[in-house]
N, C-alpha and C. Protein backbone atom coordinates (compact mmCIF):
# COMPACT_ATOMS: atom_id res chain seq x y z
N GLN A 1 64.26 33.76 -18.97
CA GLN A 1 63.42 33.61 -20.13
C GLN A 1 64.00 34.44 -21.29
N VAL A 2 63.62 34.06 -22.49
CA VAL A 2 64.10 34.76 -23.67
C VAL A 2 63.52 36.17 -23.71
N GLN A 3 64.39 37.15 -23.90
CA GLN A 3 63.94 38.54 -24.04
C GLN A 3 64.68 39.18 -25.20
N LEU A 4 63.91 39.92 -26.00
CA LEU A 4 64.47 40.69 -27.12
C LEU A 4 63.94 42.11 -26.97
N VAL A 5 64.83 43.08 -26.91
CA VAL A 5 64.43 44.47 -26.69
C VAL A 5 65.01 45.33 -27.81
N GLU A 6 64.09 45.91 -28.61
CA GLU A 6 64.52 46.75 -29.73
C GLU A 6 64.63 48.21 -29.29
N SER A 7 65.47 48.95 -30.00
CA SER A 7 65.61 50.38 -29.77
C SER A 7 66.10 51.04 -31.05
N GLY A 8 65.98 52.36 -31.11
CA GLY A 8 66.55 53.10 -32.22
C GLY A 8 65.57 53.62 -33.26
N GLY A 9 64.30 53.30 -33.10
CA GLY A 9 63.33 53.79 -34.06
C GLY A 9 63.10 55.29 -33.92
N GLY A 10 62.31 55.83 -34.85
CA GLY A 10 62.01 57.25 -34.79
C GLY A 10 61.49 57.77 -36.11
N LEU A 11 61.45 59.09 -36.20
CA LEU A 11 60.99 59.78 -37.41
C LEU A 11 62.20 60.27 -38.19
N VAL A 12 62.22 59.98 -39.48
CA VAL A 12 63.35 60.39 -40.33
C VAL A 12 62.81 60.82 -41.68
N GLN A 13 63.49 61.74 -42.31
CA GLN A 13 63.07 62.20 -43.63
C GLN A 13 63.50 61.20 -44.71
N PRO A 14 62.80 61.18 -45.82
CA PRO A 14 63.21 60.31 -46.94
C PRO A 14 64.66 60.57 -47.32
N GLY A 15 65.39 59.49 -47.55
CA GLY A 15 66.81 59.59 -47.85
C GLY A 15 67.71 59.53 -46.64
N GLY A 16 67.12 59.60 -45.46
CA GLY A 16 67.89 59.57 -44.23
C GLY A 16 68.25 58.17 -43.78
N SER A 17 68.88 58.11 -42.61
CA SER A 17 69.34 56.84 -42.06
C SER A 17 68.90 56.67 -40.61
N LEU A 18 68.76 55.42 -40.21
CA LEU A 18 68.51 55.05 -38.82
C LEU A 18 69.23 53.76 -38.54
N ARG A 19 69.59 53.56 -37.29
CA ARG A 19 70.20 52.31 -36.87
C ARG A 19 69.37 51.71 -35.74
N LEU A 20 68.84 50.53 -35.97
CA LEU A 20 68.08 49.82 -34.95
C LEU A 20 69.00 48.84 -34.23
N ALA A 21 68.70 48.62 -32.97
CA ALA A 21 69.45 47.64 -32.19
C ALA A 21 68.49 46.74 -31.44
N CYS A 22 68.89 45.50 -31.26
CA CYS A 22 68.11 44.53 -30.49
C CYS A 22 69.06 43.87 -29.49
N THR A 23 68.73 44.00 -28.22
CA THR A 23 69.53 43.38 -27.16
C THR A 23 68.82 42.12 -26.70
N ALA A 24 69.55 41.01 -26.72
CA ALA A 24 68.97 39.71 -26.39
C ALA A 24 69.47 39.20 -25.04
N SER A 25 68.64 38.41 -24.38
CA SER A 25 69.04 37.79 -23.12
C SER A 25 68.22 36.53 -22.92
N GLY A 26 68.71 35.67 -22.03
CA GLY A 26 67.97 34.47 -21.67
C GLY A 26 68.25 33.25 -22.53
N PHE A 27 69.17 33.36 -23.47
CA PHE A 27 69.54 32.21 -24.31
C PHE A 27 70.96 32.41 -24.84
N ARG A 28 71.52 31.34 -25.41
CA ARG A 28 72.89 31.41 -25.93
C ARG A 28 72.89 32.10 -27.27
N PHE A 29 72.94 33.39 -27.23
CA PHE A 29 72.76 34.24 -28.40
C PHE A 29 73.63 33.80 -29.58
N ARG A 30 74.90 33.45 -29.30
CA ARG A 30 75.84 33.23 -30.38
C ARG A 30 75.53 32.04 -31.27
N ILE A 31 74.66 31.13 -30.83
CA ILE A 31 74.42 29.92 -31.62
C ILE A 31 73.13 29.98 -32.43
N TYR A 32 72.43 31.11 -32.38
CA TYR A 32 71.15 31.22 -33.08
C TYR A 32 71.17 32.33 -34.13
N ALA A 33 70.51 32.03 -35.26
CA ALA A 33 70.30 33.05 -36.26
C ALA A 33 69.35 34.12 -35.70
N MET A 34 69.52 35.33 -36.19
CA MET A 34 68.67 36.44 -35.76
C MET A 34 68.09 37.12 -36.99
N SER A 35 66.89 37.65 -36.84
CA SER A 35 66.22 38.29 -37.97
C SER A 35 65.56 39.59 -37.55
N TRP A 36 65.35 40.44 -38.54
CA TRP A 36 64.50 41.62 -38.39
C TRP A 36 63.30 41.45 -39.32
N TYR A 37 62.12 41.71 -38.78
CA TYR A 37 60.88 41.74 -39.53
C TYR A 37 60.30 43.14 -39.41
N ARG A 38 59.33 43.43 -40.26
CA ARG A 38 58.59 44.68 -40.14
C ARG A 38 57.13 44.47 -40.52
N GLN A 39 56.29 45.33 -39.96
CA GLN A 39 54.87 45.28 -40.27
C GLN A 39 54.35 46.69 -40.43
N ALA A 40 53.89 46.97 -41.64
CA ALA A 40 53.30 48.27 -41.93
C ALA A 40 51.80 48.21 -41.67
N PRO A 41 51.16 49.35 -41.44
CA PRO A 41 49.72 49.35 -41.18
C PRO A 41 48.94 48.67 -42.30
N GLY A 42 48.07 47.73 -41.91
CA GLY A 42 47.23 47.05 -42.88
C GLY A 42 47.93 45.98 -43.70
N LYS A 43 49.18 45.70 -43.37
CA LYS A 43 49.94 44.71 -44.13
C LYS A 43 50.42 43.58 -43.21
N GLU A 44 50.78 42.46 -43.82
CA GLU A 44 51.31 41.35 -43.05
C GLU A 44 52.77 41.63 -42.65
N ARG A 45 53.18 40.98 -41.57
CA ARG A 45 54.57 41.09 -41.14
C ARG A 45 55.46 40.43 -42.19
N GLU A 46 56.56 41.10 -42.54
CA GLU A 46 57.45 40.57 -43.56
C GLU A 46 58.88 40.51 -43.05
N LEU A 47 59.62 39.51 -43.56
CA LEU A 47 61.01 39.35 -43.21
C LEU A 47 61.85 40.40 -43.93
N VAL A 48 62.69 41.10 -43.18
CA VAL A 48 63.55 42.13 -43.75
C VAL A 48 64.97 41.61 -43.96
N ALA A 49 65.54 41.00 -42.92
CA ALA A 49 66.93 40.55 -43.02
C ALA A 49 67.21 39.48 -41.97
N THR A 50 68.13 38.58 -42.29
CA THR A 50 68.54 37.51 -41.39
C THR A 50 70.05 37.41 -41.38
N ILE A 51 70.61 37.10 -40.20
CA ILE A 51 72.03 36.85 -40.07
C ILE A 51 72.21 35.53 -39.34
N THR A 52 73.04 34.65 -39.89
CA THR A 52 73.22 33.34 -39.28
C THR A 52 74.13 33.42 -38.07
N SER A 53 74.28 32.27 -37.39
CA SER A 53 75.02 32.28 -36.15
C SER A 53 76.53 32.12 -36.36
N VAL A 54 76.93 31.05 -37.03
CA VAL A 54 78.35 30.73 -37.10
C VAL A 54 79.09 31.60 -38.09
N SER A 55 78.63 31.64 -39.32
CA SER A 55 79.35 32.36 -40.37
C SER A 55 78.91 33.80 -40.51
N SER A 56 77.83 34.17 -39.82
CA SER A 56 77.25 35.51 -39.95
C SER A 56 76.91 35.82 -41.41
N SER A 57 76.46 34.81 -42.13
CA SER A 57 75.95 35.06 -43.48
C SER A 57 74.66 35.85 -43.37
N THR A 58 74.39 36.66 -44.38
CA THR A 58 73.21 37.52 -44.33
C THR A 58 72.32 37.30 -45.55
N ASN A 59 71.03 37.57 -45.35
CA ASN A 59 70.05 37.56 -46.42
C ASN A 59 69.11 38.73 -46.23
N TYR A 60 68.66 39.29 -47.36
CA TYR A 60 67.82 40.48 -47.31
C TYR A 60 66.61 40.33 -48.22
N ALA A 61 65.53 40.99 -47.84
CA ALA A 61 64.39 41.13 -48.74
C ALA A 61 64.83 41.98 -49.93
N ASP A 62 64.28 41.68 -51.08
CA ASP A 62 64.65 42.44 -52.28
C ASP A 62 64.42 43.93 -52.10
N SER A 63 63.40 44.28 -51.35
CA SER A 63 63.03 45.68 -51.19
C SER A 63 64.05 46.49 -50.41
N VAL A 64 64.95 45.83 -49.68
CA VAL A 64 65.93 46.56 -48.86
C VAL A 64 67.38 46.29 -49.26
N LYS A 65 67.59 45.38 -50.21
CA LYS A 65 68.96 45.06 -50.63
C LYS A 65 69.69 46.29 -51.11
N GLY A 66 70.93 46.44 -50.65
CA GLY A 66 71.74 47.59 -51.04
C GLY A 66 71.51 48.81 -50.17
N ARG A 67 70.48 48.77 -49.31
CA ARG A 67 70.18 49.92 -48.45
C ARG A 67 70.31 49.59 -46.96
N PHE A 68 69.98 48.36 -46.60
CA PHE A 68 70.01 47.94 -45.20
C PHE A 68 71.16 46.97 -44.98
N VAL A 69 71.73 47.01 -43.78
CA VAL A 69 72.80 46.08 -43.41
C VAL A 69 72.51 45.53 -42.02
N ILE A 70 72.44 44.20 -41.91
CA ILE A 70 72.26 43.54 -40.61
C ILE A 70 73.62 43.08 -40.11
N SER A 71 73.83 43.22 -38.80
CA SER A 71 75.09 42.78 -38.21
C SER A 71 74.83 42.30 -36.78
N ARG A 72 75.80 41.59 -36.23
CA ARG A 72 75.64 41.09 -34.86
C ARG A 72 76.94 41.24 -34.10
N ASP A 73 76.80 41.40 -32.78
CA ASP A 73 77.93 41.43 -31.86
C ASP A 73 77.66 40.36 -30.82
N ASN A 74 78.28 39.21 -30.98
CA ASN A 74 78.01 38.10 -30.06
C ASN A 74 78.49 38.39 -28.64
N ALA A 75 79.52 39.21 -28.50
CA ALA A 75 80.02 39.54 -27.17
C ALA A 75 79.00 40.37 -26.38
N LYS A 76 78.21 41.16 -27.10
CA LYS A 76 77.22 42.02 -26.44
C LYS A 76 75.79 41.50 -26.60
N SER A 77 75.64 40.35 -27.28
CA SER A 77 74.31 39.78 -27.53
C SER A 77 73.37 40.79 -28.18
N THR A 78 73.88 41.44 -29.20
CA THR A 78 73.06 42.43 -29.91
C THR A 78 73.07 42.16 -31.41
N VAL A 79 71.98 42.49 -32.04
CA VAL A 79 71.88 42.46 -33.49
C VAL A 79 71.37 43.83 -33.92
N SER A 80 71.97 44.36 -34.97
CA SER A 80 71.65 45.71 -35.41
C SER A 80 71.16 45.70 -36.86
N LEU A 81 70.44 46.74 -37.21
CA LEU A 81 69.99 46.93 -38.58
C LEU A 81 70.29 48.38 -38.96
N GLN A 82 71.27 48.58 -39.81
CA GLN A 82 71.59 49.90 -40.33
C GLN A 82 70.74 50.13 -41.56
N MET A 83 69.93 51.18 -41.52
CA MET A 83 68.99 51.46 -42.60
C MET A 83 69.37 52.79 -43.25
N ASN A 84 69.73 52.73 -44.51
CA ASN A 84 70.13 53.91 -45.26
C ASN A 84 69.16 54.17 -46.41
N SER A 85 69.23 55.36 -46.95
CA SER A 85 68.38 55.74 -48.09
C SER A 85 66.93 55.36 -47.83
N LEU A 86 66.45 55.73 -46.68
CA LEU A 86 65.10 55.31 -46.27
C LEU A 86 64.03 55.94 -47.17
N LYS A 87 62.97 55.17 -47.38
CA LYS A 87 61.86 55.58 -48.23
C LYS A 87 60.58 55.58 -47.39
N PRO A 88 59.57 56.33 -47.81
CA PRO A 88 58.30 56.31 -47.07
C PRO A 88 57.73 54.90 -46.92
N GLU A 89 57.96 54.05 -47.89
CA GLU A 89 57.44 52.68 -47.82
C GLU A 89 58.18 51.81 -46.81
N ASP A 90 59.26 52.31 -46.22
CA ASP A 90 59.93 51.60 -45.13
C ASP A 90 59.25 51.85 -43.78
N THR A 91 58.27 52.73 -43.76
CA THR A 91 57.54 53.02 -42.53
C THR A 91 56.85 51.77 -42.02
N ALA A 92 57.14 51.41 -40.79
CA ALA A 92 56.59 50.18 -40.20
C ALA A 92 57.06 50.06 -38.76
N VAL A 93 56.48 49.10 -38.06
CA VAL A 93 57.05 48.67 -36.78
C VAL A 93 58.04 47.56 -37.09
N TYR A 94 59.25 47.70 -36.58
CA TYR A 94 60.32 46.73 -36.83
C TYR A 94 60.50 45.85 -35.60
N TYR A 95 60.58 44.53 -35.86
CA TYR A 95 60.67 43.55 -34.79
C TYR A 95 61.93 42.71 -34.92
N CYS A 96 62.53 42.43 -33.80
CA CYS A 96 63.65 41.49 -33.71
C CYS A 96 63.07 40.09 -33.47
N ASN A 97 63.71 39.09 -34.04
CA ASN A 97 63.16 37.72 -33.95
C ASN A 97 64.28 36.70 -33.90
N THR A 98 64.02 35.62 -33.15
CA THR A 98 64.86 34.44 -33.24
C THR A 98 63.97 33.22 -33.08
N LYS A 99 64.47 32.07 -33.51
CA LYS A 99 63.74 30.82 -33.38
C LYS A 99 64.61 29.83 -32.62
N ILE A 100 64.05 29.34 -31.52
CA ILE A 100 64.79 28.42 -30.66
C ILE A 100 63.98 27.14 -30.53
N ARG A 101 64.57 26.03 -30.99
CA ARG A 101 63.90 24.72 -30.94
C ARG A 101 62.49 24.81 -31.54
N GLY A 102 62.38 25.50 -32.65
CA GLY A 102 61.13 25.57 -33.39
C GLY A 102 60.15 26.62 -32.90
N GLU A 103 60.47 27.31 -31.82
CA GLU A 103 59.56 28.32 -31.29
C GLU A 103 60.11 29.71 -31.59
N GLY A 104 59.25 30.58 -32.12
CA GLY A 104 59.66 31.93 -32.45
C GLY A 104 59.50 32.88 -31.28
N TYR A 105 60.46 33.78 -31.14
CA TYR A 105 60.43 34.78 -30.09
C TYR A 105 60.54 36.17 -30.73
N TRP A 106 59.78 37.11 -30.16
CA TRP A 106 59.70 38.46 -30.73
C TRP A 106 59.96 39.51 -29.66
N GLY A 107 60.52 40.63 -30.11
CA GLY A 107 60.59 41.79 -29.24
C GLY A 107 59.27 42.55 -29.31
N GLN A 108 59.24 43.70 -28.62
CA GLN A 108 58.00 44.49 -28.58
C GLN A 108 57.85 45.37 -29.81
N GLY A 109 58.92 45.53 -30.56
CA GLY A 109 58.88 46.34 -31.78
C GLY A 109 59.28 47.78 -31.54
N THR A 110 59.78 48.40 -32.61
CA THR A 110 60.13 49.82 -32.55
C THR A 110 59.62 50.49 -33.83
N GLN A 111 58.98 51.63 -33.67
CA GLN A 111 58.34 52.31 -34.81
C GLN A 111 59.37 53.09 -35.61
N VAL A 112 59.34 52.89 -36.92
CA VAL A 112 60.14 53.69 -37.86
C VAL A 112 59.18 54.40 -38.79
N THR A 113 59.27 55.72 -38.83
CA THR A 113 58.42 56.53 -39.70
C THR A 113 59.30 57.35 -40.62
N VAL A 114 59.09 57.18 -41.92
CA VAL A 114 59.85 57.93 -42.92
C VAL A 114 58.90 58.91 -43.59
N SER A 115 59.10 60.18 -43.29
CA SER A 115 58.17 61.19 -43.79
C SER A 115 58.84 62.55 -43.80
N SER A 116 58.43 63.37 -44.75
CA SER A 116 58.94 64.74 -44.80
C SER A 116 57.97 65.68 -44.08
């Protein structure tokens, strides 16, 4: 079955960096686009970044452009999110996501807290 497992969250001071990782299994990872979403308390889940399968083209939410970088390693079935210059408003649970034949799959999420 499809499994997505996130790791790398934690507490970081404003201006700091974190790297999230998502390990995938149960499907042909290399042929599917992968995304990171986040959900802050009291807010709807929002798309943060997407990386395509073949060309590894990327797209970012305006709020993270220039600060976050999404990447993938097809040999290891992992997708990562490098987060730099973190702000308190980046505090959220971050989720890994893929869509297979129209059905969305999610990991359990990893908490990122940006606070001094």
